[in-house]
Amino acid sequence: MTVIGVDDNISTTATVATPQKRDVSALRKYLRPMMLYVVSAAQFLDIVNGASVAVAVIPIAEDLNFSVPLMTWILNAYTIAFAGLLLFSGRMGDLFGYRVILIFGLFWFATWALVVSFSTTPLMFIIARTLQGAGAACTIPSATALIATNYPPGVERTKAFGIFAAFGGLGAVAGVMMAGGLIAGAGWRWIFRVSSIAAYVLVALAFVVVPIVPKKEGVTKPRVDYLGAAASTLGVTGVVYYIVMGNEDGWASPKTLPILAAGILLLIAFVYIESKIEYPIMPFRVWTRRFSTSVITAFMLMGMMQGFIFYASMVFQEVYEWSALKTALGFLVHALLAIVVFTILGRTLHRLSLKPMILAGFVFRCGAALSFAFVTPATSYWRLPFPGLILNVFGAGFSMLPNQITAVRDADNKDQGLVGAIYNTGLQLGAPFGLAILNTIAISTNGQQGGAGAGISGGPELMVGYKNALFGIVAFGVFGFILIAIIQPWDRPARASKPVTDKNKDLESVQDETTIEAFGDKEEVRGEKESELAEIEAFSLDADLAGIPPALSEDAGDDRTIASRKEKV
């Protein structure tokens, strides 16, 4: 056994790496950038698919003879399945491996996207689209967890999430542009065929570049909380159904209100089950103050984002009376700038405190909404909409990326799938909820303009309601700003530890990383002792993932070992 120095205060002992371990470690380091692009492309594909289908609703409905009440299910079938299964699929990734769940999700997504493209009836389309959404629910939590577990906290993880977010920003506009081209040419069915082909390619790439984590000796087969999984899935599905259908059927309608009540009761039952069971699907340990605030913030941010994109699109199409293709081109600056901003932020955020960044993001996004709120048919695109789109990109970058990094900061690697799932559930609930509230504001305003119950059917006159909805986005932003300012703990920039010296080359061949980077502050109330313990745990966790034996020294009083330092802390 050889003692390997990591920094001045922490030392560990590891078995000297075999040539096979060196080869595996070198291969994983070489393929890790490819893995990042594959999981980012999985998210990109999900967002592209959702954005393109939103544009194709009318052609799909006309081709398959959807009735007016059923048209909402062209979008909602996917959304409800996706949001409802996030928590379950995220925990399955924690238990059975993120690689397995990611590849399964991509394959499932690709297969049912292909089936959707051959739909001949509304029922066939809705069923296949629902099952496609189930596949997407498997990919996103596993994708974020693979980033969190393969990139150490600090500089590298921040850069990785910056790239991941840039792919997402590009996907939103790329989907609109792709749909416009395909609908005008090959037809709406090719939206799903292109998605299917791309997903099958990602399945093949994921087999090669996503690392296989060897099973640990003595680890028993994980037990699955099926009762909790069923309660959470059905409960979230009921709440999402109410949100997305409330605007159509009425918030107090017999078609929606009982489903909301059932969903809430199931979620209450889920919390009770999790408090009693020994192997919960959602351990309550993940709900730190920082994480809880991040989930609520994600809910608010996604509601603002969905509302802004929707009403900016409506301003272009109704107030400026642009075509769908010209509208997509109007958003081009948004997509291109998002790539640049998120990439730069990914390289610089580790030097900055995240809370002020999130606060600034809310300010920028409120400014973006106000820019569009004062548009008239005579307003030049370059005067208000163009700077508004730029403000929104900076607002999204300053708020969503730091918020996501904050959300995963306190979680153990064994919980990253669950944390990613909960966080994305917040996003999925926030998007339809925000849009539903804003639509209610716009519709109620425009519906009163004609008098005697008459409403405005279309054209620039709709800007009256759009303006009030955009003011609603500002109200969301003010609420989010206050929430973060009061509740979210302050954090310090992540600190990189001292680099490993030349003496430690054996450790380099075992570990994927040769430096340990601080998580930043834990909850302020934990104090300095828990901060020191967190650093020790972080090193222990990295060593465990890299295959270093947990035994360090026979001497329990040896202050160089992790075990003895933990006891003293």
Protein backbone atom coordinates (compact mmCIF):
# COMPACT_ATOMS: atom_id res chain seq x y z
CA MET A 1 0.00 0.00 0.00
CA THR A 2 1.26 3.46 -0.87
CA VAL A 3 0.20 6.77 0.66
CA ILE A 4 -0.77 9.29 -2.03
CA GLY A 5 -0.82 13.01 -1.14
CA VAL A 6 -3.81 14.97 -2.39
CA ASP A 7 -3.31 18.26 -0.59
CA ASP A 8 -1.63 19.53 2.56
CA ASN A 9 -4.37 18.30 4.86
CA ILE A 10 -5.96 15.23 3.27
CA SER A 11 -4.17 12.04 2.30
CA THR A 12 -5.38 8.66 1.18
CA THR A 13 -4.03 5.24 0.42
CA ALA A 14 -4.81 3.42 -2.81
CA THR A 15 -3.75 0.26 -4.51
CA VAL A 16 -1.33 0.98 -7.33
CA ALA A 17 -3.26 0.92 -10.58
CA THR A 18 -2.96 -2.07 -12.87
CA PRO A 19 -2.32 -1.53 -16.61
CA GLN A 20 -5.93 -2.51 -17.29
CA LYS A 21 -7.22 0.19 -14.93
CA ARG A 22 -4.92 2.72 -16.57
CA ASP A 23 -6.28 1.79 -20.00
CA VAL A 24 -9.91 2.06 -18.86
CA SER A 25 -9.27 5.40 -17.15
CA ALA A 26 -7.49 6.78 -20.20
CA LEU A 27 -10.32 5.63 -22.48
CA ARG A 28 -12.98 7.21 -20.24
CA LYS A 29 -11.08 10.51 -20.21
CA TYR A 30 -10.76 10.41 -23.97
CA LEU A 31 -14.47 9.66 -24.54
CA ARG A 32 -15.88 11.97 -21.86
CA PRO A 33 -16.23 15.02 -24.16
CA MET A 34 -18.09 12.82 -26.66
CA MET A 35 -20.38 11.64 -23.86
CA LEU A 36 -21.19 15.27 -23.03
CA TYR A 37 -22.19 15.99 -26.62
CA VAL A 38 -24.31 12.83 -26.83
CA VAL A 39 -26.31 13.60 -23.67
CA SER A 40 -26.62 17.25 -24.75
CA ALA A 41 -27.89 16.09 -28.14
CA ALA A 42 -30.49 13.95 -26.36
CA GLN A 43 -31.87 17.07 -24.69
CA PHE A 44 -31.58 19.00 -27.97
CA LEU A 45 -33.64 16.29 -29.71
CA ASP A 46 -36.39 16.43 -27.09
CA ILE A 47 -36.67 20.23 -27.34
CA VAL A 48 -36.52 20.23 -31.14
CA ASN A 49 -39.29 17.65 -31.28
CA GLY A 50 -41.52 19.62 -28.91
CA ALA A 51 -40.98 22.96 -30.66
CA SER A 52 -41.51 21.54 -34.15
CA VAL A 53 -44.74 19.75 -33.22
CA ALA A 54 -46.09 23.01 -31.76
CA VAL A 55 -45.69 24.56 -35.21
CA ALA A 56 -47.22 21.53 -36.95
CA VAL A 57 -50.44 21.30 -34.90
CA ILE A 58 -52.71 22.59 -37.68
CA PRO A 59 -51.29 20.41 -40.51
CA ILE A 60 -51.45 17.33 -38.25
CA ALA A 61 -55.02 18.07 -37.21
CA GLU A 62 -56.16 18.62 -40.80
CA ASP A 63 -54.43 15.50 -42.14
CA LEU A 64 -55.69 13.13 -39.43
CA ASN A 65 -59.14 14.76 -39.03
CA PHE A 66 -58.75 15.77 -35.38
CA SER A 67 -61.86 17.28 -33.86
CA VAL A 68 -61.40 20.69 -32.22
CA PRO A 69 -61.57 19.32 -28.62
CA LEU A 70 -58.95 16.67 -29.45
CA MET A 71 -56.47 19.07 -31.04
CA THR A 72 -54.93 20.02 -27.69
CA TRP A 73 -53.86 16.39 -27.25
CA ILE A 74 -51.42 16.73 -30.15
CA LEU A 75 -49.19 18.56 -27.65
CA ASN A 76 -50.60 17.55 -24.28
CA ALA A 77 -50.26 13.77 -24.66
CA TYR A 78 -46.48 14.09 -24.80
CA THR A 79 -46.27 16.75 -22.07
CA ILE A 80 -48.39 14.82 -19.56
CA ALA A 81 -46.49 11.54 -20.05
CA PHE A 82 -43.13 13.28 -19.89
CA ALA A 83 -43.84 15.19 -16.69
CA GLY A 84 -45.62 12.31 -14.99
CA LEU A 85 -42.77 9.81 -15.44
CA LEU A 86 -39.79 12.06 -14.70
CA LEU A 87 -39.53 11.23 -11.01
CA PHE A 88 -39.83 7.48 -11.53
CA SER A 89 -37.36 7.33 -14.42
CA GLY A 90 -34.86 9.55 -12.61
CA ARG A 91 -34.83 7.24 -9.59
CA MET A 92 -34.51 4.19 -11.84
CA GLY A 93 -31.35 5.76 -13.20
CA ASP A 94 -29.98 6.08 -9.64
CA LEU A 95 -30.78 2.43 -8.92
CA PHE A 96 -29.95 0.65 -12.18
CA GLY A 97 -27.50 2.98 -13.90
CA TYR A 98 -27.87 6.17 -15.90
CA ARG A 99 -26.34 4.58 -19.00
CA VAL A 100 -28.98 1.85 -19.14
CA ILE A 101 -31.90 4.23 -18.63
CA LEU A 102 -30.54 6.79 -21.13
CA ILE A 103 -30.08 4.21 -23.89
CA PHE A 104 -33.46 2.65 -23.19
CA GLY A 105 -35.13 6.08 -23.24
CA LEU A 106 -33.52 7.04 -26.56
CA PHE A 107 -34.51 3.74 -28.15
CA TRP A 108 -38.08 4.02 -26.84
CA PHE A 109 -38.30 7.64 -28.01
CA ALA A 110 -37.00 6.75 -31.49
CA THR A 111 -39.32 3.77 -31.92
CA TRP A 112 -42.50 5.59 -31.00
CA ALA A 113 -41.52 8.68 -32.98
CA LEU A 114 -41.39 6.40 -36.00
CA VAL A 115 -44.81 4.98 -35.13
CA VAL A 116 -46.21 8.51 -34.80
CA SER A 117 -45.04 9.29 -38.33
CA PHE A 118 -47.24 6.49 -39.69
CA SER A 119 -50.36 7.48 -37.73
CA THR A 120 -53.62 7.17 -39.61
CA THR A 121 -56.11 8.16 -36.89
CA PRO A 122 -56.15 10.66 -34.00
CA LEU A 123 -56.22 7.79 -31.46
CA MET A 124 -53.13 6.16 -32.95
CA PHE A 125 -51.30 9.48 -32.93
CA ILE A 126 -52.20 10.28 -29.31
CA ILE A 127 -51.19 6.84 -27.99
CA ALA A 128 -47.90 6.79 -29.87
CA ARG A 129 -47.14 10.37 -28.87
CA THR A 130 -47.81 9.51 -25.20
CA LEU A 131 -45.38 6.60 -25.36
CA GLN A 132 -42.81 8.81 -27.09
CA GLY A 133 -43.05 11.21 -24.14
CA ALA A 134 -42.34 8.31 -21.77
CA GLY A 135 -39.06 7.73 -23.61
CA ALA A 136 -38.08 11.38 -23.28
CA ALA A 137 -38.78 11.19 -19.53
CA CYS A 138 -36.04 8.55 -19.28
CA THR A 139 -33.43 10.52 -21.22
CA ILE A 140 -33.40 13.96 -19.57
CA PRO A 141 -32.80 13.04 -15.87
CA SER A 142 -30.17 10.48 -16.89
CA ALA A 143 -28.47 13.03 -19.15
CA THR A 144 -28.13 15.61 -16.35
CA ALA A 145 -27.05 12.92 -13.88
CA LEU A 146 -24.31 11.67 -16.24
CA ILE A 147 -22.92 15.20 -16.41
CA ALA A 148 -23.10 15.67 -12.64
CA THR A 149 -21.42 12.33 -11.89
CA ASN A 150 -18.72 12.46 -14.57
CA TYR A 151 -17.65 16.08 -14.08
CA PRO A 152 -16.39 17.17 -10.65
CA PRO A 153 -18.00 20.17 -8.93
CA GLY A 154 -16.54 23.51 -9.89
CA VAL A 155 -14.94 24.53 -13.15
CA GLU A 156 -15.47 21.35 -15.17
CA ARG A 157 -19.08 20.74 -14.15
CA THR A 158 -19.99 24.38 -14.81
CA LYS A 159 -18.47 24.23 -18.29
CA ALA A 160 -20.28 20.97 -19.02
CA PHE A 161 -23.66 22.34 -17.96
CA GLY A 162 -22.95 25.44 -20.05
CA ILE A 163 -22.60 23.27 -23.17
CA PHE A 164 -25.69 21.27 -22.17
CA ALA A 165 -27.72 24.46 -21.79
CA ALA A 166 -26.44 25.86 -25.11
CA PHE A 167 -27.78 22.79 -26.90
CA GLY A 168 -31.15 23.36 -25.23
CA GLY A 169 -31.28 27.02 -26.27
CA LEU A 170 -30.46 26.11 -29.85
CA GLY A 171 -33.08 23.35 -29.90
CA ALA A 172 -36.01 25.65 -29.18
CA VAL A 173 -35.50 27.73 -32.32
CA ALA A 174 -34.04 24.94 -34.46
CA GLY A 175 -37.29 23.02 -33.95
CA VAL A 176 -39.38 25.91 -35.23
CA MET A 177 -37.16 26.39 -38.27
CA MET A 178 -37.02 22.65 -39.05
CA ALA A 179 -40.79 22.36 -38.82
CA GLY A 180 -41.30 25.27 -41.19
CA GLY A 181 -39.04 23.72 -43.81
CA LEU A 182 -40.39 20.18 -43.52
CA ILE A 183 -44.06 21.19 -43.50
CA ALA A 184 -43.53 23.25 -46.64
CA GLY A 185 -41.63 20.40 -48.32
CA ALA A 186 -41.75 16.75 -47.27
CA GLY A 187 -44.68 17.10 -44.85
CA TRP A 188 -45.25 16.96 -41.09
CA ARG A 189 -44.60 13.21 -40.85
CA TRP A 190 -40.92 13.80 -41.55
CA ILE A 191 -40.64 15.81 -38.32
CA PHE A 192 -40.99 12.52 -36.46
CA ARG A 193 -38.97 10.48 -38.93
CA VAL A 194 -36.02 12.83 -38.66
CA SER A 195 -36.32 12.71 -34.84
CA SER A 196 -36.45 8.91 -34.97
CA ILE A 197 -33.37 8.58 -37.16
CA ALA A 198 -31.42 11.03 -34.99
CA ALA A 199 -32.42 9.19 -31.80
CA TYR A 200 -31.34 5.81 -33.21
CA VAL A 201 -27.95 7.35 -34.09
CA LEU A 202 -27.64 8.62 -30.50
CA VAL A 203 -28.44 5.12 -29.20
CA ALA A 204 -25.49 3.72 -31.17
CA LEU A 205 -23.18 6.53 -30.01
CA ALA A 206 -24.28 6.19 -26.39
CA PHE A 207 -23.31 2.50 -26.40
CA VAL A 208 -19.76 3.55 -27.28
CA VAL A 209 -19.13 6.79 -25.39
CA VAL A 210 -21.20 6.58 -22.18
CA PRO A 211 -19.02 4.78 -19.61
CA ILE A 212 -20.07 1.51 -18.04
CA VAL A 213 -19.89 1.73 -14.27
CA PRO A 214 -18.78 -1.66 -12.87
CA LYS A 215 -20.95 -3.20 -10.19
CA LYS A 216 -19.49 -3.09 -6.71
CA GLU A 217 -18.90 -6.36 -4.92
CA GLY A 218 -21.30 -7.14 -2.12
CA VAL A 219 -23.95 -4.67 -3.30
CA THR A 220 -27.40 -6.22 -3.15
CA LYS A 221 -29.96 -5.85 -5.89
CA PRO A 222 -31.76 -2.50 -5.45
CA ARG A 223 -35.33 -2.63 -4.20
CA VAL A 224 -37.89 -0.52 -6.04
CA ASP A 225 -40.61 1.46 -4.28
CA TYR A 226 -43.37 0.52 -6.72
CA LEU A 227 -46.18 1.91 -4.56
CA GLY A 228 -44.45 5.27 -4.25
CA ALA A 229 -43.63 5.25 -7.96
CA ALA A 230 -47.27 4.66 -8.87
CA ALA A 231 -48.54 7.35 -6.47
CA SER A 232 -46.01 9.96 -7.67
CA THR A 233 -46.53 9.21 -11.36
CA LEU A 234 -50.33 9.32 -11.20
CA GLY A 235 -50.32 12.32 -8.84
CA VAL A 236 -48.02 14.46 -11.01
CA THR A 237 -49.91 13.35 -14.12
CA GLY A 238 -53.20 14.50 -12.57
CA VAL A 239 -51.80 17.92 -11.65
CA VAL A 240 -50.23 18.41 -15.09
CA TYR A 241 -53.46 17.32 -16.78
CA TYR A 242 -55.39 19.94 -14.82
CA ILE A 243 -52.90 22.67 -15.72
CA VAL A 244 -52.75 21.93 -19.44
CA MET A 245 -56.49 21.26 -19.88
CA GLY A 246 -57.85 23.89 -17.49
CA ASN A 247 -57.75 26.64 -20.09
CA GLU A 248 -59.73 24.53 -22.54
CA ASP A 249 -62.28 22.82 -20.31
CA GLY A 250 -62.45 25.38 -17.48
CA TRP A 251 -60.65 25.52 -14.15
CA ALA A 252 -63.77 24.47 -12.20
CA SER A 253 -65.08 22.08 -14.84
CA PRO A 254 -66.21 18.56 -13.84
CA LYS A 255 -63.76 17.35 -16.50
CA THR A 256 -60.71 18.82 -14.74
CA LEU A 257 -61.37 19.57 -11.06
CA PRO A 258 -61.87 15.94 -9.92
CA ILE A 259 -58.62 14.96 -11.64
CA LEU A 260 -56.78 17.75 -9.80
CA ALA A 261 -58.26 16.62 -6.49
CA ALA A 262 -57.23 13.01 -7.19
CA GLY A 263 -53.74 14.14 -8.16
CA ILE A 264 -53.27 16.14 -4.96
CA LEU A 265 -54.52 13.24 -2.81
CA LEU A 266 -52.12 10.86 -4.55
CA LEU A 267 -49.21 13.23 -3.95
CA ILE A 268 -50.14 13.47 -0.25
CA ALA A 269 -50.25 9.66 -0.15
CA PHE A 270 -46.87 9.60 -1.90
CA VAL A 271 -45.28 11.80 0.77
CA TYR A 272 -46.73 9.54 3.48
CA ILE A 273 -45.41 6.41 1.76
CA GLU A 274 -41.95 7.91 1.40
CA SER A 275 -41.83 8.79 5.09
CA LYS A 276 -42.54 5.18 6.11
CA ILE A 277 -40.73 2.99 3.59
CA GLU A 278 -37.09 1.91 4.03
CA TYR A 279 -36.21 2.26 0.33
CA PRO A 280 -38.10 5.37 -0.85
CA ILE A 281 -38.11 6.47 -4.46
CA MET A 282 -37.64 10.04 -3.18
CA PRO A 283 -35.44 10.21 -0.06
CA PHE A 284 -36.20 13.42 1.80
CA ARG A 285 -32.46 14.05 2.25
CA VAL A 286 -32.34 15.71 -1.18
CA TRP A 287 -34.65 18.54 -0.08
CA THR A 288 -32.08 20.99 1.23
CA ARG A 289 -33.03 24.65 1.39
CA ARG A 290 -30.83 25.40 -1.60
CA PHE A 291 -32.38 22.62 -3.71
CA SER A 292 -35.97 23.41 -2.69
CA THR A 293 -35.52 27.06 -3.65
CA SER A 294 -33.93 26.02 -6.95
CA VAL A 295 -36.92 23.85 -7.86
CA ILE A 296 -39.39 26.65 -7.11
CA THR A 297 -37.20 29.05 -9.08
CA ALA A 298 -37.10 26.61 -12.01
CA PHE A 299 -40.91 26.53 -11.93
CA MET A 300 -41.02 30.33 -12.17
CA LEU A 301 -38.26 30.60 -14.78
CA MET A 302 -39.83 28.08 -17.13
CA GLY A 303 -43.22 29.72 -16.82
CA MET A 304 -41.60 33.02 -17.81
CA MET A 305 -39.64 31.42 -20.67
CA GLN A 306 -42.62 29.58 -22.14
CA GLY A 307 -44.78 32.67 -21.84
CA PHE A 308 -42.18 34.95 -23.40
CA ILE A 309 -41.50 32.69 -26.40
CA PHE A 310 -45.22 32.17 -27.00
CA TYR A 311 -46.20 35.83 -26.81
CA ALA A 312 -43.16 37.01 -28.75
CA SER A 313 -44.23 34.58 -31.47
CA MET A 314 -47.80 35.91 -31.30
CA VAL A 315 -46.53 39.49 -31.60
CA PHE A 316 -44.63 38.56 -34.75
CA GLN A 317 -47.52 36.62 -36.32
CA GLU A 318 -50.53 38.67 -35.22
CA VAL A 319 -49.25 42.21 -34.65
CA TYR A 320 -46.61 42.25 -37.40
CA GLU A 321 -48.60 39.66 -39.43
CA TRP A 322 -45.47 37.68 -40.32
CA SER A 323 -45.50 34.16 -41.77
CA ALA A 324 -44.32 31.18 -39.70
CA LEU A 325 -41.00 31.10 -41.58
CA LYS A 326 -40.37 34.83 -41.09
CA THR A 327 -41.25 34.44 -37.42
CA ALA A 328 -38.65 31.69 -37.11
CA LEU A 329 -36.07 33.96 -38.75
CA GLY A 330 -37.00 36.67 -36.26
CA PHE A 331 -35.95 34.31 -33.47
CA LEU A 332 -32.65 33.45 -35.17
CA VAL A 333 -30.69 35.98 -33.10
CA HIS A 334 -32.12 34.33 -29.98
CA ALA A 335 -30.80 30.90 -30.98
CA LEU A 336 -27.37 32.00 -32.15
CA LEU A 337 -26.74 34.31 -29.20
CA ALA A 338 -27.85 31.59 -26.78
CA ILE A 339 -25.03 29.35 -27.99
CA VAL A 340 -22.47 32.09 -27.42
CA VAL A 341 -23.82 33.28 -24.05
CA PHE A 342 -24.24 29.82 -22.52
CA THR A 343 -20.80 28.73 -23.70
CA ILE A 344 -19.12 31.81 -22.23
CA LEU A 345 -21.05 31.50 -18.98
CA GLY A 346 -20.05 27.85 -18.73
CA ARG A 347 -16.40 28.95 -18.74
CA THR A 348 -16.79 31.83 -16.28
CA LEU A 349 -19.52 30.97 -13.77
CA HIS A 350 -17.14 29.04 -11.52
CA ARG A 351 -15.44 32.35 -10.70
CA LEU A 352 -18.70 34.06 -9.74
CA SER A 353 -21.24 33.89 -6.96
CA LEU A 354 -24.40 32.32 -8.40
CA LYS A 355 -27.11 34.10 -6.38
CA PRO A 356 -26.37 37.59 -7.82
CA MET A 357 -26.32 36.05 -11.29
CA ILE A 358 -29.81 34.59 -10.84
CA LEU A 359 -31.10 37.91 -9.51
CA ALA A 360 -29.63 39.73 -12.53
CA GLY A 361 -31.25 37.14 -14.78
CA PHE A 362 -34.70 37.95 -13.44
CA VAL A 363 -34.07 41.66 -14.09
CA PHE A 364 -32.99 41.01 -17.70
CA ARG A 365 -36.02 38.82 -18.36
CA CYS A 366 -38.40 41.41 -16.98
CA GLY A 367 -36.77 43.92 -19.34
CA ALA A 368 -37.27 41.54 -22.26
CA ALA A 369 -40.99 41.19 -21.51
CA LEU A 370 -41.39 44.95 -21.21
CA SER A 371 -39.68 45.44 -24.58
CA PHE A 372 -42.36 43.37 -26.29
CA ALA A 373 -45.20 44.81 -24.19
CA PHE A 374 -44.89 48.20 -25.90
CA VAL A 375 -44.70 46.95 -29.49
CA THR A 376 -47.23 48.35 -32.00
CA PRO A 377 -47.68 47.51 -35.69
CA ALA A 378 -45.59 50.58 -36.51
CA THR A 379 -42.70 49.65 -34.19
CA SER A 380 -39.55 48.56 -35.98
CA TYR A 381 -38.28 45.04 -35.23
CA TRP A 382 -34.86 46.53 -34.49
CA ARG A 383 -36.22 49.07 -32.01
CA LEU A 384 -37.92 46.83 -29.42
CA PRO A 385 -38.23 43.12 -30.36
CA PHE A 386 -34.58 42.68 -31.35
CA PRO A 387 -33.12 44.10 -28.09
CA GLY A 388 -35.88 42.28 -26.19
CA LEU A 389 -34.70 38.94 -27.59
CA ILE A 390 -31.12 39.79 -26.64
CA LEU A 391 -32.18 40.67 -23.10
CA ASN A 392 -34.08 37.39 -22.83
CA VAL A 393 -31.03 35.37 -23.87
CA PHE A 394 -28.88 37.05 -21.21
CA GLY A 395 -31.70 36.69 -18.68
CA ALA A 396 -32.05 32.97 -19.43
CA GLY A 397 -28.30 32.45 -19.25
CA PHE A 398 -27.85 34.38 -16.03
CA SER A 399 -30.77 32.64 -14.31
CA MET A 400 -31.38 29.14 -15.65
CA LEU A 401 -27.78 27.88 -15.87
CA PRO A 402 -26.73 29.10 -12.38
CA ASN A 403 -30.01 27.80 -10.97
CA GLN A 404 -29.40 24.34 -12.43
CA ILE A 405 -25.84 24.26 -11.06
CA THR A 406 -27.16 25.36 -7.66
CA ALA A 407 -29.78 22.59 -7.72
CA VAL A 408 -27.28 19.74 -8.12
CA ARG A 409 -24.60 21.23 -5.86
CA ASP A 410 -25.59 19.59 -2.57
CA ALA A 411 -26.71 16.20 -3.89
CA ASP A 412 -24.69 13.01 -3.55
CA ASN A 413 -23.83 11.22 -6.78
CA LYS A 414 -26.20 8.39 -5.86
CA ASP A 415 -29.10 10.90 -5.90
CA GLN A 416 -28.23 12.89 -9.04
CA GLY A 417 -30.83 11.12 -11.19
CA LEU A 418 -33.56 11.87 -8.68
CA VAL A 419 -32.41 15.48 -8.27
CA GLY A 420 -32.39 15.96 -12.05
CA ALA A 421 -35.86 14.43 -12.29
CA ILE A 422 -37.34 16.64 -9.57
CA TYR A 423 -35.73 19.72 -11.08
CA ASN A 424 -37.07 18.89 -14.54
CA THR A 425 -40.50 18.17 -13.07
CA GLY A 426 -40.44 21.72 -11.74
CA LEU A 427 -39.63 22.93 -15.25
CA GLN A 428 -42.37 20.82 -16.82
CA LEU A 429 -44.98 22.01 -14.33
CA GLY A 430 -43.90 25.63 -14.65
CA ALA A 431 -44.16 25.78 -18.44
CA PRO A 432 -47.88 24.92 -18.81
CA PHE A 433 -48.83 26.61 -15.54
CA GLY A 434 -47.21 29.90 -16.55
CA LEU A 435 -48.68 29.77 -20.03
CA ALA A 436 -52.13 28.90 -18.68
CA ILE A 437 -52.13 31.90 -16.32
CA LEU A 438 -50.86 34.25 -19.02
CA ASN A 439 -53.38 32.92 -21.57
CA THR A 440 -56.18 33.52 -19.09
CA ILE A 441 -55.04 37.14 -18.73
CA ALA A 442 -54.77 37.69 -22.49
CA ILE A 443 -58.04 35.95 -23.38
CA SER A 444 -60.05 37.68 -20.66
CA THR A 445 -58.69 41.07 -21.78
CA ASN A 446 -59.28 40.60 -25.50
CA GLY A 447 -62.63 38.98 -24.92
CA GLN A 448 -63.94 42.22 -23.36
CA GLN A 449 -62.81 44.56 -26.08
CA GLY A 450 -65.69 44.07 -28.49
CA GLY A 451 -68.46 44.58 -25.96
CA ALA A 452 -71.51 42.41 -25.36
CA GLY A 453 -69.36 39.30 -25.06
CA ALA A 454 -67.78 39.74 -28.45
CA GLY A 455 -64.04 39.13 -28.64
CA ILE A 456 -61.22 39.92 -30.98
CA SER A 457 -60.55 37.05 -33.38
CA GLY A 458 -57.13 38.08 -34.64
CA GLY A 459 -54.85 40.79 -35.94
CA PRO A 460 -52.97 43.67 -34.29
CA GLU A 461 -55.90 44.40 -31.98
CA LEU A 462 -54.88 41.33 -29.96
CA MET A 463 -51.90 43.30 -28.69
CA VAL A 464 -54.09 44.68 -25.88
CA GLY A 465 -54.32 41.24 -24.27
CA TYR A 466 -50.74 40.34 -25.18
CA LYS A 467 -49.54 43.46 -23.37
CA ASN A 468 -51.27 42.45 -20.15
CA ALA A 469 -49.89 38.91 -20.46
CA LEU A 470 -46.37 40.30 -20.89
CA PHE A 471 -46.93 42.41 -17.77
CA GLY A 472 -47.84 39.11 -16.10
CA ILE A 473 -44.38 37.79 -17.03
CA VAL A 474 -42.89 40.83 -15.31
CA ALA A 475 -44.94 40.01 -12.20
CA PHE A 476 -43.54 36.45 -12.25
CA GLY A 477 -40.05 37.94 -12.47
CA VAL A 478 -40.57 40.26 -9.52
CA PHE A 479 -41.87 37.38 -7.41
CA GLY A 480 -38.91 35.19 -8.40
CA PHE A 481 -36.43 37.99 -7.63
CA ILE A 482 -37.87 38.46 -4.14
CA LEU A 483 -37.91 34.69 -3.52
CA ILE A 484 -34.25 34.28 -4.43
CA ALA A 485 -33.18 37.42 -2.54
CA ILE A 486 -34.82 36.27 0.69
CA ILE A 487 -34.60 32.46 0.73
CA GLN A 488 -31.68 31.27 -1.42
CA PRO A 489 -28.43 31.04 0.62
CA TRP A 490 -25.45 33.10 -0.52
CA ASP A 491 -22.64 31.13 -2.05
CA ARG A 492 -18.98 31.67 -2.78
CA PRO A 493 -17.25 30.89 -6.06
CA ALA A 494 -15.99 27.32 -6.25
CA ARG A 495 -12.37 26.85 -5.23
CA ALA A 496 -10.00 24.52 -7.00
CA SER A 497 -7.71 22.54 -4.77
CA LYS A 498 -3.99 22.24 -5.22
CA PRO A 499 -3.04 20.11 -8.21
CA VAL A 500 -1.74 16.62 -7.73
CA THR A 501 2.05 16.41 -7.86
CA ASP A 502 4.22 14.20 -10.03
CA LYS A 503 4.49 11.73 -7.15
CA ASN A 504 0.88 10.78 -7.60
CA LYS A 505 0.80 9.45 -11.15
CA ASP A 506 -0.56 6.11 -9.93
CA LEU A 507 -3.62 7.90 -8.57
CA GLU A 508 -4.10 9.76 -11.87
CA SER A 509 -4.50 6.46 -13.67
CA VAL A 510 -7.24 5.40 -11.29
CA GLN A 511 -9.13 8.67 -10.91
CA ASP A 512 -10.83 10.45 -13.78
CA GLU A 513 -9.85 13.76 -12.18
CA THR A 514 -6.60 14.81 -10.53
CA THR A 515 -7.97 17.74 -8.60
CA ILE A 516 -10.65 18.11 -5.99
CA GLU A 517 -12.84 21.18 -6.28
CA ALA A 518 -14.93 22.54 -3.49
CA PHE A 519 -18.69 22.39 -3.70
CA GLY A 520 -18.99 25.96 -2.47
CA ASP A 521 -20.78 26.71 0.77
CA LYS A 522 -23.24 24.25 2.19
CA GLU A 523 -26.19 25.57 4.13
CA GLU A 524 -24.87 28.50 6.12
CA VAL A 525 -26.24 27.08 9.36
CA ARG A 526 -24.02 24.03 9.11
CA GLY A 527 -20.94 26.05 9.95
CA GLU A 528 -17.28 25.57 9.19
CA LYS A 529 -17.06 22.01 10.53
CA GLU A 530 -19.60 20.70 8.05
CA SER A 531 -17.88 22.56 5.23
CA GLU A 532 -14.67 20.68 6.05
CA LEU A 533 -16.60 17.42 6.25
CA ALA A 534 -18.17 18.12 2.86
CA GLU A 535 -14.73 18.45 1.27
CA ILE A 536 -13.65 15.15 2.82
CA GLU A 537 -16.84 13.46 1.63
CA ALA A 538 -16.36 14.92 -1.86
CA PHE A 539 -12.90 13.35 -2.10
CA SER A 540 -14.15 10.06 -0.68
CA LEU A 541 -16.97 10.02 -3.27
CA ASP A 542 -14.62 10.75 -6.18
CA ALA A 543 -12.28 8.00 -5.00
CA ASP A 544 -15.18 5.57 -4.71
CA LEU A 545 -16.35 6.28 -8.26
CA ALA A 546 -12.84 5.81 -9.55
CA GLY A 547 -12.54 2.40 -7.92
CA ILE A 548 -10.15 3.31 -5.08
CA PRO A 549 -10.66 1.00 -2.08
CA PRO A 550 -12.34 2.76 0.86
CA ALA A 551 -9.80 1.44 3.39
CA LEU A 552 -7.18 4.05 4.10
CA SER A 553 -5.18 3.13 7.19
CA GLU A 554 -5.31 0.75 10.10
CA ASP A 555 -4.56 3.61 12.47
CA ALA A 556 -7.83 5.25 13.50
CA GLY A 557 -5.87 8.06 15.04
CA ASP A 558 -3.91 8.86 11.91
CA ASP A 559 -4.95 12.40 11.00
CA ARG A 560 -3.94 11.84 7.39
CA THR A 561 -6.77 9.42 6.68
CA ILE A 562 -10.29 10.35 5.59
CA ALA A 563 -11.89 8.17 8.23
CA SER A 564 -10.00 9.73 11.12
CA ARG A 565 -10.55 13.27 9.83
CA LYS A 566 -14.30 12.62 9.54
CA GLU A 567 -14.36 11.41 13.15
CA LYS A 568 -12.57 14.54 14.33
CA VAL A 569 -14.86 16.85 12.39
